Amino acid sequence: MPGHNWQEIRDQDEVPFARGLAMREGIQEALGTFDDEAAAKLQDMIDVAVVVVDYGVAEVFTA
């Protein structure tokens, strides 16, 4: 969520996170910039996928 004030959430002792829907091709491309293994896993998956990214590490799961 670009432009969101994440610090407001942290100030309430909560952990900020974002979730949403995105087209697979763009996510594969973004993953490829920092996690080739996750990008390849997503590319090989034919089912609906869930991608979790935390601290520059990604994992891909079947939804």
PDB file of N, CA and C in Angstrom:
ATOM      1  N   MET A   1       0.834  -1.159   0.000  1.00  0.00           N
ATOM      2  CA  MET A   1       0.000   0.000   0.000  1.00  0.00           C
ATOM      3  C   MET A   1       0.888   1.233   0.000  1.00  0.00           C
ATOM      4  N   PRO A   2       1.329   1.607  -1.156  1.00  0.00           N
ATOM      5  CA  PRO A   2       2.203   2.774  -1.256  1.00  0.00           C
ATOM      6  C   PRO A   2       1.556   4.023  -0.666  1.00  0.00           C
ATOM      7  N   GLY A   3       2.354   4.795   0.012  1.00  0.00           N
ATOM      8  CA  GLY A   3       1.872   6.040   0.578  1.00  0.00           C
ATOM      9  C   GLY A   3       1.184   5.899   1.917  1.00  0.00           C
ATOM     10  N   HIS A   4       0.990   4.665   2.382  1.00  0.00           N
ATOM     11  CA  HIS A   4       0.339   4.467   3.681  1.00  0.00           C
ATOM     12  C   HIS A   4       1.332   4.750   4.802  1.00  0.00           C
ATOM     13  N   ASN A   5       0.856   5.330   5.877  1.00  0.00           N
ATOM     14  CA  ASN A   5       1.718   5.622   7.021  1.00  0.00           C
ATOM     15  C   ASN A   5       1.832   4.373   7.901  1.00  0.00           C
ATOM     16  N   TRP A   6       2.815   3.545   7.619  1.00  0.00           N
ATOM     17  CA  TRP A   6       3.007   2.301   8.363  1.00  0.00           C
ATOM     18  C   TRP A   6       3.419   2.564   9.808  1.00  0.00           C
ATOM     19  N   GLN A   7       4.034   3.707  10.060  1.00  0.00           N
ATOM     20  CA  GLN A   7       4.490   4.002  11.415  1.00  0.00           C
ATOM     21  C   GLN A   7       3.323   4.105  12.393  1.00  0.00           C
ATOM     22  N   GLU A   8       2.167   4.570  11.943  1.00  0.00           N
ATOM     23  CA  GLU A   8       0.988   4.633  12.815  1.00  0.00           C
ATOM     24  C   GLU A   8       0.642   3.254  13.360  1.00  0.00           C
ATOM     25  N   ILE A   9       0.781   2.245  12.534  1.00  0.00           N
ATOM     26  CA  ILE A   9       0.495   0.872  12.956  1.00  0.00           C
ATOM     27  C   ILE A   9       1.546   0.407  13.948  1.00  0.00           C
ATOM     28  N   ARG A  10       2.807   0.661  13.664  1.00  0.00           N
ATOM     29  CA  ARG A  10       3.881   0.274  14.579  1.00  0.00           C
ATOM     30  C   ARG A  10       3.740   0.972  15.929  1.00  0.00           C
ATOM     31  N   ASP A  11       3.304   2.220  15.919  1.00  0.00           N
ATOM     32  CA  ASP A  11       3.133   2.979  17.161  1.00  0.00           C
ATOM     33  C   ASP A  11       2.074   2.360  18.067  1.00  0.00           C
ATOM     34  N   GLN A  12       1.193   1.543  17.505  1.00  0.00           N
ATOM     35  CA  GLN A  12       0.162   0.850  18.281  1.00  0.00           C
ATOM     36  C   GLN A  12       0.620  -0.557  18.662  1.00  0.00           C
ATOM     37  N   ASP A  13       1.941  -0.800  18.561  1.00  0.00           N
ATOM     38  CA  ASP A  13       2.543  -2.108  18.859  1.00  0.00           C
ATOM     39  C   ASP A  13       1.957  -3.225  18.001  1.00  0.00           C
ATOM     40  N   GLU A  14       1.575  -2.893  16.772  1.00  0.00           N
ATOM     41  CA  GLU A  14       1.094  -3.886  15.827  1.00  0.00           C
ATOM     42  C   GLU A  14       2.115  -4.046  14.708  1.00  0.00           C
ATOM     43  N   VAL A  15       2.068  -5.182  14.047  1.00  0.00           N
ATOM     44  CA  VAL A  15       2.971  -5.453  12.937  1.00  0.00           C
ATOM     45  C   VAL A  15       2.227  -5.148  11.635  1.00  0.00           C
ATOM     46  N   PRO A  16       2.726  -4.210  10.844  1.00  0.00           N
ATOM     47  CA  PRO A  16       2.034  -3.879   9.598  1.00  0.00           C
ATOM     48  C   PRO A  16       2.225  -4.968   8.543  1.00  0.00           C
ATOM     49  N   PHE A  17       1.189  -5.177   7.747  1.00  0.00           N
ATOM     50  CA  PHE A  17       1.300  -6.099   6.623  1.00  0.00           C
ATOM     51  C   PHE A  17       0.360  -5.634   5.523  1.00  0.00           C
ATOM     52  N   ALA A  18       0.628  -6.092   4.332  1.00  0.00           N
ATOM     53  CA  ALA A  18      -0.222  -5.759   3.189  1.00  0.00           C
ATOM     54  C   ALA A  18      -0.662  -7.057   2.530  1.00  0.00           C
ATOM     55  N   ARG A  19      -1.857  -7.046   1.992  1.00  0.00           N
ATOM     56  CA  ARG A  19      -2.343  -8.210   1.255  1.00  0.00           C
ATOM     57  C   ARG A  19      -3.178  -7.718   0.088  1.00  0.00           C
ATOM     58  N   GLY A  20      -3.273  -8.538  -0.918  1.00  0.00           N
ATOM     59  CA  GLY A  20      -4.059  -8.129  -2.070  1.00  0.00           C
ATOM     60  C   GLY A  20      -3.937  -9.129  -3.200  1.00  0.00           C
ATOM     61  N   LEU A  21      -4.557  -8.812  -4.287  1.00  0.00           N
ATOM     62  CA  LEU A  21      -4.522  -9.655  -5.477  1.00  0.00           C
ATOM     63  C   LEU A  21      -3.667  -8.979  -6.533  1.00  0.00           C
ATOM     64  N   ALA A  22      -2.945  -9.781  -7.286  1.00  0.00           N
ATOM     65  CA  ALA A  22      -2.098  -9.238  -8.346  1.00  0.00           C
ATOM     66  C   ALA A  22      -1.995 -10.267  -9.461  1.00  0.00           C
ATOM     67  N   MET A  23      -1.689  -9.802 -10.641  1.00  0.00           N
ATOM     68  CA  MET A  23      -1.505 -10.701 -11.775  1.00  0.00           C
ATOM     69  C   MET A  23      -0.204 -11.483 -11.601  1.00  0.00           C
ATOM     70  N   ARG A  24      -0.250 -12.735 -11.953  1.00  0.00           N
ATOM     71  CA  ARG A  24       0.881 -13.640 -11.739  1.00  0.00           C
ATOM     72  C   ARG A  24       2.156 -13.165 -12.428  1.00  0.00           C
ATOM     73  N   GLU A  25       2.051 -12.699 -13.662  1.00  0.00           N
ATOM     74  CA  GLU A  25       3.249 -12.308 -14.417  1.00  0.00           C
ATOM     75  C   GLU A  25       4.048 -11.223 -13.685  1.00  0.00           C
ATOM     76  N   GLY A  26       3.366 -10.221 -13.164  1.00  0.00           N
ATOM     77  CA  GLY A  26       4.054  -9.148 -12.446  1.00  0.00           C
ATOM     78  C   GLY A  26       4.703  -9.624 -11.163  1.00  0.00           C
ATOM     79  N   ILE A  27       4.039 -10.543 -10.471  1.00  0.00           N
ATOM     80  CA  ILE A  27       4.603 -11.085  -9.230  1.00  0.00           C
ATOM     81  C   ILE A  27       5.825 -11.938  -9.549  1.00  0.00           C
ATOM     82  N   GLN A  28       5.740 -12.764 -10.597  1.00  0.00           N
ATOM     83  CA  GLN A  28       6.901 -13.571 -10.999  1.00  0.00           C
ATOM     84  C   GLN A  28       8.089 -12.678 -11.315  1.00  0.00           C
ATOM     85  N   GLU A  29       7.834 -11.599 -12.027  1.00  0.00           N
ATOM     86  CA  GLU A  29       8.907 -10.672 -12.385  1.00  0.00           C
ATOM     87  C   GLU A  29       9.508 -10.034 -11.134  1.00  0.00           C
ATOM     88  N   ALA A  30       8.659  -9.610 -10.215  1.00  0.00           N
ATOM     89  CA  ALA A  30       9.152  -8.994  -8.976  1.00  0.00           C
ATOM     90  C   ALA A  30       9.950 -10.001  -8.151  1.00  0.00           C
ATOM     91  N   LEU A  31       9.453 -11.228  -8.037  1.00  0.00           N
ATOM     92  CA  LEU A  31      10.181 -12.257  -7.290  1.00  0.00           C
ATOM     93  C   LEU A  31      11.545 -12.515  -7.916  1.00  0.00           C
ATOM     94  N   GLY A  32      11.605 -12.481  -9.232  1.00  0.00           N
ATOM     95  CA  GLY A  32      12.858 -12.733  -9.932  1.00  0.00           C
ATOM     96  C   GLY A  32      13.957 -11.738  -9.607  1.00  0.00           C
ATOM     97  N   THR A  33      13.589 -10.591  -9.065  1.00  0.00           N
ATOM     98  CA  THR A  33      14.608  -9.599  -8.712  1.00  0.00           C
ATOM     99  C   THR A  33      15.323  -9.928  -7.411  1.00  0.00           C
ATOM    100  N   PHE A  34      14.736 -10.824  -6.588  1.00  0.00           N
ATOM    101  CA  PHE A  34      15.389 -11.132  -5.312  1.00  0.00           C
ATOM    102  C   PHE A  34      15.300 -12.593  -4.886  1.00  0.00           C
ATOM    103  N   ASP A  35      14.462 -13.407  -5.548  1.00  0.00           N
ATOM    104  CA  ASP A  35      14.339 -14.814  -5.151  1.00  0.00           C
ATOM    105  C   ASP A  35      14.008 -15.656  -6.384  1.00  0.00           C
ATOM    106  N   ASP A  36      15.045 -16.085  -7.094  1.00  0.00           N
ATOM    107  CA  ASP A  36      14.857 -16.858  -8.328  1.00  0.00           C
ATOM    108  C   ASP A  36      14.119 -18.166  -8.085  1.00  0.00           C
ATOM    109  N   GLU A  37      14.381 -18.807  -6.954  1.00  0.00           N
ATOM    110  CA  GLU A  37      13.741 -20.088  -6.647  1.00  0.00           C
ATOM    111  C   GLU A  37      12.220 -19.921  -6.500  1.00  0.00           C
ATOM    112  N   ALA A  38      11.797 -18.907  -5.778  1.00  0.00           N
ATOM    113  CA  ALA A  38      10.362 -18.656  -5.604  1.00  0.00           C
ATOM    114  C   ALA A  38       9.719 -18.270  -6.933  1.00  0.00           C
ATOM    115  N   ALA A  39      10.411 -17.484  -7.741  1.00  0.00           N
ATOM    116  CA  ALA A  39       9.882 -17.091  -9.051  1.00  0.00           C
ATOM    117  C   ALA A  39       9.678 -18.315  -9.938  1.00  0.00           C
ATOM    118  N   ALA A  40      10.633 -19.227  -9.938  1.00  0.00           N
ATOM    119  CA  ALA A  40      10.525 -20.444 -10.743  1.00  0.00           C
ATOM    120  C   ALA A  40       9.397 -21.335 -10.227  1.00  0.00           C
ATOM    121  N   LYS A  41       9.265 -21.433  -8.917  1.00  0.00           N
ATOM    122  CA  LYS A  41       8.200 -22.244  -8.320  1.00  0.00           C
ATOM    123  C   LYS A  41       6.832 -21.701  -8.728  1.00  0.00           C
ATOM    124  N   LEU A  42       6.674 -20.385  -8.695  1.00  0.00           N
ATOM    125  CA  LEU A  42       5.409 -19.777  -9.097  1.00  0.00           C
ATOM    126  C   LEU A  42       5.153 -20.005 -10.581  1.00  0.00           C
ATOM    127  N   GLN A  43       6.175 -19.886 -11.398  1.00  0.00           N
ATOM    128  CA  GLN A  43       6.022 -20.072 -12.841  1.00  0.00           C
ATOM    129  C   GLN A  43       5.592 -21.500 -13.166  1.00  0.00           C
ATOM    130  N   ASP A  44       6.099 -22.484 -12.420  1.00  0.00           N
ATOM    131  CA  ASP A  44       5.769 -23.884 -12.671  1.00  0.00           C
ATOM    132  C   ASP A  44       4.400 -24.286 -12.122  1.00  0.00           C
ATOM    133  N   MET A  45       3.846 -23.500 -11.224  1.00  0.00           N
ATOM    134  CA  MET A  45       2.579 -23.824 -10.579  1.00  0.00           C
ATOM    135  C   MET A  45       1.414 -23.437 -11.492  1.00  0.00           C
ATOM    136  N   ILE A  46       0.458 -24.361 -11.661  1.00  0.00           N
ATOM    137  CA  ILE A  46      -0.695 -24.055 -12.503  1.00  0.00           C
ATOM    138  C   ILE A  46      -1.910 -23.637 -11.671  1.00  0.00           C
ATOM    139  N   ASP A  47      -1.912 -23.963 -10.394  1.00  0.00           N
ATOM    140  CA  ASP A  47      -3.025 -23.614  -9.516  1.00  0.00           C
ATOM    141  C   ASP A  47      -2.934 -22.162  -9.064  1.00  0.00           C
ATOM    142  N   VAL A  48      -4.001 -21.710  -8.421  1.00  0.00           N
ATOM    143  CA  VAL A  48      -3.969 -20.400  -7.778  1.00  0.00           C
ATOM    144  C   VAL A  48      -2.911 -20.455  -6.683  1.00  0.00           C
ATOM    145  N   ALA A  49      -2.119 -19.408  -6.565  1.00  0.00           N
ATOM    146  CA  ALA A  49      -0.988 -19.422  -5.640  1.00  0.00           C
ATOM    147  C   ALA A  49      -1.103 -18.319  -4.595  1.00  0.00           C
ATOM    148  N   VAL A  50      -0.452 -18.575  -3.472  1.00  0.00           N
ATOM    149  CA  VAL A  50      -0.282 -17.578  -2.420  1.00  0.00           C
ATOM    150  C   VAL A  50       1.213 -17.330  -2.303  1.00  0.00           C
ATOM    151  N   VAL A  51       1.618 -16.072  -2.361  1.00  0.00           N
ATOM    152  CA  VAL A  51       3.028 -15.708  -2.248  1.00  0.00           C
ATOM    153  C   VAL A  51       3.206 -14.909  -0.963  1.00  0.00           C
ATOM    154  N   VAL A  52       4.127 -15.368  -0.129  1.00  0.00           N
ATOM    155  CA  VAL A  52       4.428 -14.682   1.127  1.00  0.00           C
ATOM    156  C   VAL A  52       5.851 -14.151   1.037  1.00  0.00           C
ATOM    157  N   VAL A  53       6.019 -12.863   1.314  1.00  0.00           N
ATOM    158  CA  VAL A  53       7.337 -12.230   1.281  1.00  0.00           C
ATOM    159  C   VAL A  53       7.579 -11.577   2.628  1.00  0.00           C
ATOM    160  N   ASP A  54       8.739 -11.853   3.202  1.00  0.00           N
ATOM    161  CA  ASP A  54       9.103 -11.258   4.489  1.00  0.00           C
ATOM    162  C   ASP A  54      10.609 -11.087   4.529  1.00  0.00           C
ATOM    163  N   TYR A  55      11.057  -9.891   4.764  1.00  0.00           N
ATOM    164  CA  TYR A  55      12.484  -9.579   4.876  1.00  0.00           C
ATOM    165  C   TYR A  55      13.285 -10.086   3.683  1.00  0.00           C
ATOM    166  N   GLY A  56      12.742  -9.918   2.485  1.00  0.00           N
ATOM    167  CA  GLY A  56      13.466 -10.261   1.275  1.00  0.00           C
ATOM    168  C   GLY A  56      13.515 -11.735   0.940  1.00  0.00           C
ATOM    169  N   VAL A  57      12.719 -12.540   1.634  1.00  0.00           N
ATOM    170  CA  VAL A  57      12.634 -13.971   1.360  1.00  0.00           C
ATOM    171  C   VAL A  57      11.192 -14.271   0.965  1.00  0.00           C
ATOM    172  N   ALA A  58      11.004 -15.111  -0.037  1.00  0.00           N
ATOM    173  CA  ALA A  58       9.653 -15.421  -0.506  1.00  0.00           C
ATOM    174  C   ALA A  58       9.404 -16.919  -0.464  1.00  0.00           C
ATOM    175  N   GLU A  59       8.132 -17.280  -0.295  1.00  0.00           N
ATOM    176  CA  GLU A  59       7.704 -18.671  -0.406  1.00  0.00           C
ATOM    177  C   GLU A  59       6.389 -18.674  -1.165  1.00  0.00           C
ATOM    178  N   VAL A  60       6.181 -19.715  -1.952  1.00  0.00           N
ATOM    179  CA  VAL A  60       4.992 -19.835  -2.789  1.00  0.00           C
ATOM    180  C   VAL A  60       4.236 -21.085  -2.368  1.00  0.00           C
ATOM    181  N   PHE A  61       2.931 -20.941  -2.183  1.00  0.00           N
ATOM    182  CA  PHE A  61       2.072 -22.039  -1.750  1.00  0.00           C
ATOM    183  C   PHE A  61       0.890 -22.157  -2.702  1.00  0.00           C
ATOM    184  N   THR A  62       0.349 -23.371  -2.836  1.00  0.00           N
ATOM    185  CA  THR A  62      -0.899 -23.563  -3.558  1.00  0.00           C
ATOM    186  C   THR A  62      -2.028 -23.061  -2.671  1.00  0.00           C
ATOM    187  N   ALA A  63      -2.940 -22.295  -3.260  1.00  0.00           N
ATOM    188  CA  ALA A  63      -4.052 -21.727  -2.472  1.00  0.00           C
ATOM    189  C   ALA A  63      -5.067 -22.798  -2.132  1.00  0.00           C
TER     190      ALA A  63
END
